[in-house]
C-alpha atoms as a PDB file:
ATOM      1  CA  UNK A   1     159.711  -3.896  -0.313  1.00  0.00           C
ATOM      2  CA  UNK A   2     158.660  -0.697  -2.175  1.00  0.00           C
ATOM      3  CA  UNK A   3     162.275   0.484  -1.874  1.00  0.00           C
ATOM      4  CA  UNK A   4     163.456  -2.256  -4.227  1.00  0.00           C
ATOM      5  CA  UNK A   5     160.776  -1.661  -6.863  1.00  0.00           C
ATOM      6  CA  UNK A   6     162.088   1.763  -7.958  1.00  0.00           C
ATOM      7  CA  UNK A   7     165.649   0.530  -8.734  1.00  0.00           C
ATOM      8  CA  UNK A   8     164.189  -2.426 -10.627  1.00  0.00           C
ATOM      9  CA  UNK A   9     162.005  -0.117 -12.745  1.00  0.00           C
ATOM     10  CA  UNK A  10     164.963   2.212 -13.411  1.00  0.00           C
ATOM     11  CA  UNK A  11     167.099  -0.754 -14.450  1.00  0.00           C
ATOM     12  CA  UNK A  12     164.422  -2.096 -16.798  1.00  0.00           C
ATOM     13  CA  UNK A  13     163.853   1.296 -18.411  1.00  0.00           C
ATOM     14  CA  UNK A  14     167.583   1.886 -18.915  1.00  0.00           C
ATOM     15  CA  UNK A  15     167.867  -1.608 -20.380  1.00  0.00           C
ATOM     16  CA  UNK A  16     165.312  -0.767 -23.010  1.00  0.00           C
ATOM     17  CA  UNK A  17     167.054   2.499 -23.839  1.00  0.00           C
ATOM     18  CA  UNK A  18     170.736   1.525 -23.788  1.00  0.00           C
ATOM     19  CA  UNK A  19     171.412  -2.047 -24.882  1.00  0.00           C
ATOM     20  CA  UNK A  20     171.285  -2.306 -28.641  1.00  0.00           C
ATOM     21  CA  UNK A  21     174.416  -4.196 -29.634  1.00  0.00           C
ATOM     22  CA  UNK A  22     174.510  -7.343 -27.614  1.00  0.00           C
ATOM     23  CA  UNK A  23     173.074  -9.832 -30.081  1.00  0.00           C
ATOM     24  CA  UNK A  24     174.596  -8.355 -33.221  1.00  0.00           C
ATOM     25  CA  UNK A  25     178.001  -8.557 -34.862  1.00  0.00           C
ATOM     26  CA  UNK A  26     178.415  -5.011 -36.139  1.00  0.00           C
ATOM     27  CA  UNK A  27     181.758  -4.562 -34.512  1.00  0.00           C
ATOM     28  CA  UNK A  28     184.989  -5.528 -36.236  1.00  0.00           C
ATOM     29  CA  UNK A  29     186.263  -8.899 -35.111  1.00  0.00           C
ATOM     30  CA  UNK A  30     189.862 -10.109 -35.275  1.00  0.00           C
ATOM     31  CA  UNK A  31     188.898 -12.375 -38.182  1.00  0.00           C
ATOM     32  CA  UNK A  32     187.591  -9.435 -40.173  1.00  0.00           C
ATOM     33  CA  UNK A  33     190.791  -7.478 -39.510  1.00  0.00           C
ATOM     34  CA  UNK A  34     192.832 -10.267 -41.051  1.00  0.00           C
ATOM     35  CA  UNK A  35     190.393 -10.857 -43.899  1.00  0.00           C
ATOM     36  CA  UNK A  36     190.168  -7.218 -44.907  1.00  0.00           C
ATOM     37  CA  UNK A  37     193.899  -6.671 -44.440  1.00  0.00           C
ATOM     38  CA  UNK A  38     193.470  -3.452 -42.537  1.00  0.00           C
ATOM     39  CA  UNK A  39     196.362  -1.127 -41.959  1.00  0.00           C
ATOM     40  CA  UNK A  40     197.635  -0.660 -38.425  1.00  0.00           C
ATOM     41  CA  UNK A  41     195.976   2.775 -38.258  1.00  0.00           C
ATOM     42  CA  UNK A  42     192.667   1.258 -39.316  1.00  0.00           C
ATOM     43  CA  UNK A  43     192.964  -1.509 -36.713  1.00  0.00           C
ATOM     44  CA  UNK A  44     193.606   1.010 -33.953  1.00  0.00           C
ATOM     45  CA  UNK A  45     190.642   3.084 -35.113  1.00  0.00           C
ATOM     46  CA  UNK A  46     188.342   0.048 -35.286  1.00  0.00           C
ATOM     47  CA  UNK A  47     189.410  -0.949 -31.771  1.00  0.00           C
ATOM     48  CA  UNK A  48     188.671   2.581 -30.568  1.00  0.00           C
ATOM     49  CA  UNK A  49     185.218   2.397 -32.160  1.00  0.00           C
ATOM     50  CA  UNK A  50     184.585  -1.104 -30.755  1.00  0.00           C
ATOM     51  CA  UNK A  51     184.756   0.179 -27.175  1.00  0.00           C
ATOM     52  CA  UNK A  52     181.039   1.000 -27.195  1.00  0.00           C
ATOM     53  CA  UNK A  53     180.183  -2.520 -28.330  1.00  0.00           C
ATOM     54  CA  UNK A  54     182.411  -4.079 -25.670  1.00  0.00           C
ATOM     55  CA  UNK A  55     180.904  -1.873 -22.957  1.00  0.00           C
ATOM     56  CA  UNK A  56     177.429  -2.971 -24.090  1.00  0.00           C
ATOM     57  CA  UNK A  57     178.461  -6.615 -23.846  1.00  0.00           C
ATOM     58  CA  UNK A  58     179.638  -6.082 -20.270  1.00  0.00           C
ATOM     59  CA  UNK A  59     176.374  -4.310 -19.465  1.00  0.00           C
ATOM     60  CA  UNK A  60     174.403  -7.221 -20.878  1.00  0.00           C
ATOM     61  CA  UNK A  61     176.481  -9.668 -18.816  1.00  0.00           C
ATOM     62  CA  UNK A  62     175.887  -7.681 -15.621  1.00  0.00           C
ATOM     63  CA  UNK A  63     172.165  -7.600 -16.297  1.00  0.00           C
ATOM     64  CA  UNK A  64     172.112 -11.347 -16.951  1.00  0.00           C
ATOM     65  CA  UNK A  65     173.976 -11.885 -13.682  1.00  0.00           C
ATOM     66  CA  UNK A  66     171.461  -9.702 -11.838  1.00  0.00           C
ATOM     67  CA  UNK A  67     168.603 -11.589 -13.444  1.00  0.00           C
ATOM     68  CA  UNK A  68     170.085 -14.918 -12.344  1.00  0.00           C
ATOM     69  CA  UNK A  69     170.355 -13.669  -8.777  1.00  0.00           C
ATOM     70  CA  UNK A  70     166.867 -12.170  -8.865  1.00  0.00           C
ATOM     71  CA  UNK A  71     165.559 -15.473 -10.174  1.00  0.00           C
ATOM     72  CA  UNK A  72     167.086 -17.379  -7.289  1.00  0.00           C
ATOM     73  CA  UNK A  73     165.578 -15.551  -4.350  1.00  0.00           C
ATOM     74  CA  UNK A  74     166.107 -18.852  -2.541  1.00  0.00           C
ATOM     75  CA  UNK A  75     165.731 -17.822   1.055  1.00  0.00           C
ATOM     76  CA  UNK A  76     168.693 -19.911   2.110  1.00  0.00           C
ATOM     77  CA  UNK A  77     168.313 -21.933   5.254  1.00  0.00           C
ATOM     78  CA  UNK A  78     164.662 -21.107   5.764  1.00  0.00           C
ATOM     79  CA  UNK A  79     162.532 -24.073   6.699  1.00  0.00           C
ATOM     80  CA  UNK A  80     158.860 -23.508   6.498  1.00  0.00           C
ATOM     81  CA  UNK A  81     158.051 -26.111   9.123  1.00  0.00           C
ATOM     82  CA  UNK A  82     159.985 -24.552  11.950  1.00  0.00           C
ATOM     83  CA  UNK A  83     162.895 -22.353  12.896  1.00  0.00           C
ATOM     84  CA  UNK A  84     166.551 -22.248  11.880  1.00  0.00           C
ATOM     85  CA  UNK A  85     169.205 -22.050  14.523  1.00  0.00           C
ATOM     86  CA  UNK A  86     166.876 -20.822  17.237  1.00  0.00           C
ATOM     87  CA  UNK A  87     165.468 -17.932  15.206  1.00  0.00           C
ATOM     88  CA  UNK A  88     161.859 -17.753  14.263  1.00  0.00           C
ATOM     89  CA  UNK A  89     161.034 -18.621  10.668  1.00  0.00           C
ATOM     90  CA  UNK A  90     159.873 -15.025  10.128  1.00  0.00           C
ATOM     91  CA  UNK A  91     163.188 -13.566  11.361  1.00  0.00           C
ATOM     92  CA  UNK A  92     165.183 -15.932   9.180  1.00  0.00           C
ATOM     93  CA  UNK A  93     163.130 -14.935   6.164  1.00  0.00           C
ATOM     94  CA  UNK A  94     163.607 -11.236   6.928  1.00  0.00           C
ATOM     95  CA  UNK A  95     167.359 -11.705   7.275  1.00  0.00           C
ATOM     96  CA  UNK A  96     167.593 -13.684   4.022  1.00  0.00           C
ATOM     97  CA  UNK A  97     165.481 -11.094   2.223  1.00  0.00           C
ATOM     98  CA  UNK A  98     167.658  -8.252   3.552  1.00  0.00           C
ATOM     99  CA  UNK A  99     170.819 -10.018   2.325  1.00  0.00           C
ATOM    100  CA  UNK A 100     169.187 -10.598  -1.049  1.00  0.00           C
ATOM    101  CA  UNK A 101     168.199  -6.928  -1.344  1.00  0.00           C
ATOM    102  CA  UNK A 102     171.720  -5.811  -0.409  1.00  0.00           C
ATOM    103  CA  UNK A 103     173.204  -8.092  -3.073  1.00  0.00           C
ATOM    104  CA  UNK A 104     170.811  -6.744  -5.700  1.00  0.00           C
ATOM    105  CA  UNK A 105     171.577  -3.162  -4.655  1.00  0.00           C
ATOM    106  CA  UNK A 106     175.324  -3.782  -5.112  1.00  0.00           C
ATOM    107  CA  UNK A 107     174.783  -5.239  -8.568  1.00  0.00           C
ATOM    108  CA  UNK A 108     172.440  -2.367  -9.459  1.00  0.00           C
ATOM    109  CA  UNK A 109     175.195   0.117  -8.540  1.00  0.00           C
ATOM    110  CA  UNK A 110     177.603  -1.690 -10.851  1.00  0.00           C
ATOM    111  CA  UNK A 111     175.008  -1.792 -13.632  1.00  0.00           C
ATOM    112  CA  UNK A 112     174.274   1.916 -13.262  1.00  0.00           C
ATOM    113  CA  UNK A 113     178.002   2.709 -13.419  1.00  0.00           C
ATOM    114  CA  UNK A 114     178.270   0.609 -16.602  1.00  0.00           C
ATOM    115  CA  UNK A 115     175.236   2.373 -18.109  1.00  0.00           C
ATOM    116  CA  UNK A 116     177.036   5.685 -17.572  1.00  0.00           C
ATOM    117  CA  UNK A 117     180.195   4.226 -19.140  1.00  0.00           C
ATOM    118  CA  UNK A 118     178.217   3.083 -22.195  1.00  0.00           C
ATOM    119  CA  UNK A 119     176.650   6.526 -22.550  1.00  0.00           C
ATOM    120  CA  UNK A 120     180.024   8.280 -22.236  1.00  0.00           C
ATOM    121  CA  UNK A 121     181.626   6.012 -24.840  1.00  0.00           C
ATOM    122  CA  UNK A 122     178.663   6.386 -27.153  1.00  0.00           C
ATOM    123  CA  UNK A 123     178.875  10.173 -26.913  1.00  0.00           C
ATOM    124  CA  UNK A 124     182.647  10.200 -27.405  1.00  0.00           C
ATOM    125  CA  UNK A 125     182.457   7.922 -30.437  1.00  0.00           C
ATOM    126  CA  UNK A 126     179.561   9.861 -31.984  1.00  0.00           C
ATOM    127  CA  UNK A 127     181.598  13.044 -31.550  1.00  0.00           C
ATOM    128  CA  UNK A 128     184.550  11.469 -33.332  1.00  0.00           C
ATOM    129  CA  UNK A 129     182.366  10.218 -36.158  1.00  0.00           C
ATOM    130  CA  UNK A 130     180.796  13.658 -36.642  1.00  0.00           C
ATOM    131  CA  UNK A 131     184.280  15.071 -37.296  1.00  0.00           C
ATOM    132  CA  UNK A 132     184.381  13.245 -40.613  1.00  0.00           C
ATOM    133  CA  UNK A 133     181.868  15.700 -42.133  1.00  0.00           C
ATOM    134  CA  UNK A 134     180.877  13.094 -44.710  1.00  0.00           C
ATOM    135  CA  UNK A 135     177.393  11.633 -44.315  1.00  0.00           C
ATOM    136  CA  UNK A 136     178.236   8.429 -46.180  1.00  0.00           C
ATOM    137  CA  UNK A 137     181.265   7.635 -44.039  1.00  0.00           C
ATOM    138  CA  UNK A 138     179.523   8.698 -40.846  1.00  0.00           C
ATOM    139  CA  UNK A 139     176.526   6.489 -41.646  1.00  0.00           C
ATOM    140  CA  UNK A 140     178.695   3.451 -42.196  1.00  0.00           C
ATOM    141  CA  UNK A 141     180.510   3.905 -38.890  1.00  0.00           C
ATOM    142  CA  UNK A 142     177.247   4.529 -37.059  1.00  0.00           C
ATOM    143  CA  UNK A 143     175.679   1.395 -38.542  1.00  0.00           C
ATOM    144  CA  UNK A 144     178.717  -0.729 -37.804  1.00  0.00           C
ATOM    145  CA  UNK A 145     179.846   0.538 -34.415  1.00  0.00           C
ATOM    146  CA  UNK A 146     176.928   2.232 -32.688  1.00  0.00           C
ATOM    147  CA  UNK A 147     173.915   0.396 -34.087  1.00  0.00           C
ATOM    148  CA  UNK A 148     176.035  -2.785 -34.312  1.00  0.00           C
ATOM    149  CA  UNK A 149     174.600  -3.801 -37.659  1.00  0.00           C
ATOM    150  CA  UNK A 150     176.479  -6.467 -39.590  1.00  0.00           C
ATOM    151  CA  UNK A 151     178.394  -5.175 -42.638  1.00  0.00           C
ATOM    152  CA  UNK A 152     176.109  -6.808 -45.231  1.00  0.00           C
ATOM    153  CA  UNK A 153     172.980  -5.460 -43.557  1.00  0.00           C
ATOM    154  CA  UNK A 154     174.582  -2.023 -43.188  1.00  0.00           C
ATOM    155  CA  UNK A 155     175.370  -1.986 -46.916  1.00  0.00           C
ATOM    156  CA  UNK A 156     171.753  -2.841 -47.746  1.00  0.00           C
ATOM    157  CA  UNK A 157     170.406  -0.217 -45.351  1.00  0.00           C
ATOM    158  CA  UNK A 158     172.550   2.456 -46.989  1.00  0.00           C
ATOM    159  CA  UNK A 159     171.868   1.202 -50.509  1.00  0.00           C
ATOM    160  CA  UNK A 160     175.418   0.175 -51.428  1.00  0.00           C
ATOM    161  CA  UNK A 161     176.859  -3.121 -52.497  1.00  0.00           C
ATOM    162  CA  UNK A 162     178.834  -4.976 -49.844  1.00  0.00           C
ATOM    163  CA  UNK A 163     182.039  -4.316 -51.744  1.00  0.00           C
ATOM    164  CA  UNK A 164     181.374  -0.565 -51.960  1.00  0.00           C
ATOM    165  CA  UNK A 165     180.403  -0.465 -48.278  1.00  0.00           C
ATOM    166  CA  UNK A 166     183.723  -2.146 -47.359  1.00  0.00           C
ATOM    167  CA  UNK A 167     185.665   0.401 -49.438  1.00  0.00           C
ATOM    168  CA  UNK A 168     183.845   3.276 -47.770  1.00  0.00           C
ATOM    169  CA  UNK A 169     184.339   1.649 -44.367  1.00  0.00           C
ATOM    170  CA  UNK A 170     188.056   1.418 -45.034  1.00  0.00           C
ATOM    171  CA  UNK A 171     188.091   5.074 -46.091  1.00  0.00           C
ATOM    172  CA  UNK A 172     186.122   6.057 -42.987  1.00  0.00           C
ATOM    173  CA  UNK A 173     188.578   4.243 -40.722  1.00  0.00           C
ATOM    174  CA  UNK A 174     191.500   5.888 -42.453  1.00  0.00           C
ATOM    175  CA  UNK A 175     190.015   9.381 -42.035  1.00  0.00           C
ATOM    176  CA  UNK A 176     188.847   8.623 -38.506  1.00  0.00           C
ATOM    177  CA  UNK A 177     192.346   7.574 -37.469  1.00  0.00           C
ATOM    178  CA  UNK A 178     193.335  11.266 -37.376  1.00  0.00           C
ATOM    179  CA  UNK A 179     190.902  11.764 -34.458  1.00  0.00           C
ATOM    180  CA  UNK A 180     191.652   8.663 -32.437  1.00  0.00           C
ATOM    181  CA  UNK A 181     193.816   9.152 -29.387  1.00  0.00           C
END
């Protein structure tokens, strides 16, 4: 049993450190692309920046899946009043628990791989943003795509009107498009 506690603690700690986008709408949705009439270059750049958000969503989904499995320990087929299929109740419980631990370990491996993916994307996107060498534009992209703050809230945080923030965002996407592969 102690062998399962360490991966659980690692998963919980990484959850607190990594997931920051899942409940927010800081990314650029298809509706916003149409509304703001972005250029094709800007759309491609926004999609490139959105990869961190999408990776965070997948990470959140994997963690929710793990939580649902962890919440349903349900030692299948174990009857507390007797045995199952000729095995002792204790053996059946051990077998069910071993299967459960194996399933959790597989999901934990997938979660850890996704955590690394999120970190890699975050680092790659931050590197691209730093190339702008303009604090205003960098801040807007960081708020929108890394911190996943909604445009109106990002504008307030920076001290700009929503309209000015959108203009700067458009400018940032245009400049950033030179660095997007």
